[in-house]
Amino acid sequence: MVFDEQEIHWGRRQINRASLKQSDRNKRQRREHRNPPTKNNPVMDKLRPWIEKLEKELEKDNQVTKLLDQAEKQTGVKKLHLTLGALSLFALIFTLCFGGDLLINLIGFGYPAYKSVMAIESEGGEDDTQWLIYWVVYSYITFMEYFIDIILWWFPLYYTCKLMLLVWCMAPTTFNGSLFIYKNVIRPFVMKHQDKISSFADEVGAAASEAASEVSSAVKDKANEELNNQIRQRVNESVEKALDGAE
């Protein structure tokens, strides 16, 4: 039996298609074996399509996948997990280096502000005192940071250390950072220099009150002057109209 070239070409295409389908089924089975479906997990259900797309990219033959294959053989960790870990590490470093200030403000200000509102609305004053101490410490840290920020900014783990400090300050534990800093740093300093601080605050308050009085007096004088000028202008206009009518 003799086949012509078209029949041979058609047969080869059918074989290639069957091979590709079988290869796709094998890859799908390997993925399902490595990552069995998680039951009752809506987060994984949303992430699974993206993970499958990432796995398809990792199955391609290129320099990156070759390096991942070597790393998988040497470490025994699947290349999917290595890729996800590298992406997570990159995201963390990027956030701490470039978006660290925003992240710290969200954690160090947003969450305590919410908890402070909840403490105000709740009964009892124990949690009120806890968050009041936190805000005192937070203000102290912010004030000191204003003078040394230009130096600390160059340290690689500056934002990380600051984030850990703020998390410690708001931690619901007996060894709370806010209480520790307040009792050992802020309170002794304030109690030791209480008279000087009170005197300085009184001087600042008196100076502010005097400046406010001067501003208020100047505004009143200016307003009276403008009012008198308007009255004179209207009187002059009335007199001129009366004289014109008499002529």
Protein backbone atom coordinates (compact mmCIF):
# COMPACT_ATOMS: atom_id res chain seq x y z
CA MET A 1 0.00 0.00 0.00
CA VAL A 2 1.51 3.28 -1.10
CA PHE A 3 0.75 6.66 0.60
CA ASP A 4 1.19 9.95 -1.14
CA GLU A 5 2.97 12.93 0.45
CA GLN A 6 -0.24 14.70 1.52
CA GLU A 7 -1.45 11.67 3.47
CA ILE A 8 1.95 11.29 5.13
CA HIS A 9 1.99 15.00 6.05
CA TRP A 10 -1.55 14.78 7.43
CA GLY A 11 -0.64 11.73 9.48
CA ARG A 12 2.39 13.47 10.97
CA ARG A 13 0.27 16.47 11.97
CA GLN A 14 -2.23 14.20 13.69
CA ILE A 15 0.58 12.50 15.59
CA ASN A 16 2.05 15.87 16.64
CA ARG A 17 -1.33 17.10 17.84
CA ALA A 18 -1.88 13.93 19.85
CA SER A 19 1.61 14.27 21.35
CA LEU A 20 0.96 17.91 22.32
CA LYS A 21 -2.37 17.02 23.93
CA GLN A 22 -0.76 14.19 25.86
CA SER A 23 2.07 16.51 26.96
CA ASP A 24 -0.46 19.11 28.18
CA ARG A 25 -2.33 16.42 30.10
CA ASN A 26 0.90 15.24 31.70
CA LYS A 27 1.86 18.78 32.71
CA ARG A 28 -1.61 19.38 34.14
CA GLN A 29 -1.40 16.15 36.12
CA ARG A 30 2.02 17.11 37.46
CA ARG A 31 0.71 20.53 38.52
CA GLU A 32 -2.30 18.98 40.22
CA HIS A 33 -0.02 16.50 41.96
CA ARG A 34 2.29 19.26 43.18
CA ASN A 35 -0.54 21.61 44.12
CA PRO A 36 -3.65 19.64 45.05
CA PRO A 37 -6.83 21.76 45.12
CA THR A 38 -7.53 23.40 48.46
CA LYS A 39 -11.04 23.00 49.80
CA ASN A 40 -13.01 25.91 51.21
CA ASN A 41 -10.23 28.43 50.64
CA PRO A 42 -11.49 31.44 48.64
CA VAL A 43 -8.06 33.08 48.64
CA MET A 44 -6.43 30.08 46.98
CA ASP A 45 -9.32 29.84 44.53
CA LYS A 46 -8.55 33.37 43.36
CA LEU A 47 -4.79 32.84 43.29
CA ARG A 48 -4.85 29.43 41.59
CA PRO A 49 -5.31 30.77 37.99
CA TRP A 50 -2.32 33.07 38.46
CA ILE A 51 -0.24 30.25 39.94
CA GLU A 52 -1.12 28.02 36.99
CA LYS A 53 -0.07 30.77 34.56
CA LEU A 54 3.21 31.09 36.45
CA GLU A 55 3.75 27.33 36.27
CA LYS A 56 3.20 27.40 32.50
CA GLU A 57 5.83 30.11 32.20
CA LEU A 58 8.23 28.06 34.32
CA GLU A 59 7.75 25.06 32.02
CA LYS A 60 9.21 27.01 29.08
CA ASP A 61 12.77 26.40 27.98
CA ASN A 62 14.91 29.50 28.63
CA GLN A 63 17.87 30.63 30.71
CA VAL A 64 15.76 31.54 33.74
CA THR A 65 13.99 28.19 33.91
CA LYS A 66 17.33 26.39 33.47
CA LEU A 67 18.74 28.25 36.47
CA LEU A 68 15.61 27.41 38.45
CA ASP A 69 15.94 23.75 37.50
CA GLN A 70 19.51 23.72 38.79
CA ALA A 71 18.44 25.47 42.00
CA GLU A 72 15.63 22.94 42.43
CA LYS A 73 18.06 20.03 42.07
CA GLN A 74 20.56 21.53 44.52
CA THR A 75 18.08 22.67 47.20
CA GLY A 76 15.29 20.15 46.79
CA VAL A 77 12.78 23.03 46.76
CA LYS A 78 10.35 23.20 43.86
CA LYS A 79 11.07 25.96 41.40
CA LEU A 80 7.55 27.31 41.81
CA HIS A 81 8.18 27.82 45.52
CA LEU A 82 11.59 29.34 44.79
CA THR A 83 9.99 31.79 42.36
CA LEU A 84 7.20 32.75 44.76
CA GLY A 85 9.72 33.22 47.57
CA ALA A 86 11.94 35.41 45.39
CA LEU A 87 8.95 37.53 44.32
CA SER A 88 7.81 37.90 47.94
CA LEU A 89 11.32 38.90 49.03
CA PHE A 90 11.56 41.43 46.21
CA ALA A 91 8.16 42.90 47.13
CA LEU A 92 9.21 43.16 50.79
CA ILE A 93 12.53 44.85 49.95
CA PHE A 94 10.85 47.22 47.51
CA THR A 95 8.21 48.15 50.08
CA LEU A 96 10.75 48.73 52.84
CA CYS A 97 13.18 50.69 50.64
CA PHE A 98 10.81 52.80 48.54
CA GLY A 99 7.42 52.54 50.20
CA GLY A 100 8.62 52.11 53.77
CA ASP A 101 7.45 55.51 54.89
CA LEU A 102 3.91 54.87 53.67
CA LEU A 103 3.84 51.40 55.20
CA ILE A 104 5.09 52.70 58.55
CA ASN A 105 2.50 55.49 58.58
CA LEU A 106 -0.28 53.02 57.84
CA ILE A 107 0.82 50.68 60.62
CA GLY A 108 2.11 53.21 63.14
CA PHE A 109 -0.70 55.75 62.74
CA GLY A 110 -3.72 54.15 61.06
CA TYR A 111 -4.15 51.10 63.29
CA PRO A 112 -3.49 52.94 66.61
CA ALA A 113 -5.90 55.70 65.54
CA TYR A 114 -8.63 53.12 64.98
CA LYS A 115 -7.89 51.41 68.30
CA SER A 116 -7.91 54.78 70.07
CA VAL A 117 -11.39 55.54 68.75
CA MET A 118 -12.56 52.12 69.90
CA ALA A 119 -10.98 52.76 73.32
CA ILE A 120 -12.79 56.11 73.63
CA GLU A 121 -16.12 54.51 72.76
CA SER A 122 -15.62 51.58 75.14
CA GLU A 123 -16.32 51.58 78.88
CA GLY A 124 -13.46 51.90 81.34
CA GLY A 125 -10.26 53.90 81.07
CA GLU A 126 -7.52 51.27 81.07
CA ASP A 127 -7.29 51.01 77.30
CA ASP A 128 -7.56 54.81 77.04
CA THR A 129 -4.41 55.14 79.14
CA GLN A 130 -2.64 52.49 77.05
CA TRP A 131 -3.20 54.32 73.77
CA LEU A 132 -2.58 57.74 75.32
CA ILE A 133 0.87 56.49 76.36
CA TYR A 134 1.39 55.16 72.83
CA TRP A 135 0.66 58.57 71.30
CA VAL A 136 3.05 60.24 73.74
CA VAL A 137 5.80 57.81 72.72
CA TYR A 138 4.90 58.16 69.04
CA SER A 139 5.17 61.95 69.31
CA TYR A 140 8.52 61.61 71.09
CA ILE A 141 9.85 59.27 68.36
CA THR A 142 8.61 61.61 65.60
CA PHE A 143 10.19 64.62 67.31
CA MET A 144 13.56 62.91 67.75
CA GLU A 145 13.42 61.52 64.22
CA TYR A 146 13.16 65.05 62.83
CA PHE A 147 16.74 65.77 63.97
CA ILE A 148 18.41 62.42 63.21
CA ASP A 149 16.41 61.25 60.19
CA ILE A 150 19.03 62.49 57.73
CA ILE A 151 21.58 60.20 59.44
CA LEU A 152 19.39 57.16 60.10
CA TRP A 153 18.00 57.19 56.54
CA TRP A 154 21.32 55.84 55.22
CA PHE A 155 21.14 52.70 57.33
CA PRO A 156 19.87 49.74 55.24
CA LEU A 157 17.48 48.42 57.92
CA TYR A 158 16.26 51.80 59.13
CA TYR A 159 12.61 51.37 58.08
CA THR A 160 12.61 47.75 59.21
CA CYS A 161 13.87 48.67 62.69
CA LYS A 162 11.40 51.54 62.96
CA LEU A 163 8.54 49.29 61.91
CA MET A 164 9.55 46.68 64.49
CA LEU A 165 9.78 49.40 67.16
CA LEU A 166 6.27 50.70 66.43
CA VAL A 167 4.82 47.19 66.34
CA TRP A 168 6.45 46.54 69.72
CA CYS A 169 5.00 49.81 71.06
CA MET A 170 1.45 48.81 70.13
CA ALA A 171 1.79 45.12 71.03
CA PRO A 172 -0.92 43.91 73.46
CA THR A 173 1.59 42.39 75.89
CA THR A 174 2.79 43.15 79.39
CA PHE A 175 6.26 43.97 78.03
CA ASN A 176 4.88 46.72 75.83
CA GLY A 177 7.29 49.06 74.06
CA SER A 178 5.26 52.18 74.82
CA LEU A 179 5.18 51.44 78.54
CA PHE A 180 8.88 50.57 78.57
CA ILE A 181 9.95 53.77 76.77
CA TYR A 182 7.55 55.92 78.79
CA LYS A 183 8.60 54.57 82.19
CA ASN A 184 12.35 54.45 81.48
CA VAL A 185 12.91 57.46 79.19
CA ILE A 186 10.08 59.97 78.90
CA ARG A 187 8.65 60.00 82.41
CA PRO A 188 12.03 60.37 84.23
CA PHE A 189 13.04 63.17 81.85
CA VAL A 190 9.76 65.06 82.26
CA MET A 191 9.70 64.64 86.05
CA LYS A 192 13.30 65.83 86.32
CA HIS A 193 12.77 68.95 84.19
CA GLN A 194 9.12 69.55 85.01
CA ASP A 195 9.63 73.08 86.38
CA LYS A 196 11.68 74.19 83.39
CA ILE A 197 9.25 72.65 80.93
CA SER A 198 6.27 74.27 82.67
CA SER A 199 8.04 77.64 82.74
CA PHE A 200 8.93 77.35 79.06
CA ALA A 201 5.37 76.32 78.20
CA ASP A 202 4.00 79.32 80.15
CA GLU A 203 6.38 81.66 78.32
CA VAL A 204 5.41 80.22 74.97
CA GLY A 205 1.72 80.48 75.87
CA ALA A 206 2.11 84.09 77.02
CA ALA A 207 4.05 84.99 73.87
CA ALA A 208 1.41 83.32 71.70
CA SER A 209 -1.38 85.11 73.57
CA GLU A 210 0.39 88.46 73.23
CA ALA A 211 0.99 87.87 69.52
CA ALA A 212 -2.65 86.91 69.05
CA SER A 213 -3.74 90.08 70.87
CA GLU A 214 -1.48 92.22 68.70
CA VAL A 215 -2.77 90.59 65.54
CA SER A 216 -6.35 90.98 66.69
CA SER A 217 -5.76 94.65 67.58
CA ALA A 218 -4.08 95.30 64.23
CA VAL A 219 -6.95 93.63 62.39
CA LYS A 220 -9.49 95.72 64.32
CA ASP A 221 -7.56 98.93 63.65
CA LYS A 222 -7.33 98.06 59.98
CA ALA A 223 -11.03 97.24 59.85
CA ASN A 224 -11.94 100.52 61.61
CA GLU A 225 -9.72 102.47 59.24
CA GLU A 226 -11.34 100.86 56.22
CA LEU A 227 -14.79 101.54 57.66
CA ASN A 228 -13.96 105.20 58.32
CA ASN A 229 -12.60 105.59 54.79
CA GLN A 230 -15.78 104.13 53.33
CA ILE A 231 -17.93 106.42 55.48
CA ARG A 232 -15.92 109.50 54.42
CA GLN A 233 -16.14 108.48 50.77
CA ARG A 234 -19.91 108.06 50.94
CA VAL A 235 -20.34 111.39 52.79
CA ASN A 236 -18.24 113.18 50.19
CA GLU A 237 -20.25 111.59 47.38
CA SER A 238 -23.50 112.66 49.04
CA VAL A 239 -22.26 116.24 49.51
CA GLU A 240 -21.12 116.45 45.88
CA LYS A 241 -24.49 115.22 44.65
CA ALA A 242 -26.30 117.74 46.85
CA LEU A 243 -24.14 120.61 45.54
CA ASP A 244 -24.68 119.51 41.95
CA GLY A 245 -28.44 119.44 42.51
CA ALA A 246 -28.41 122.93 44.07
CA GLU A 247 -26.59 124.41 41.06
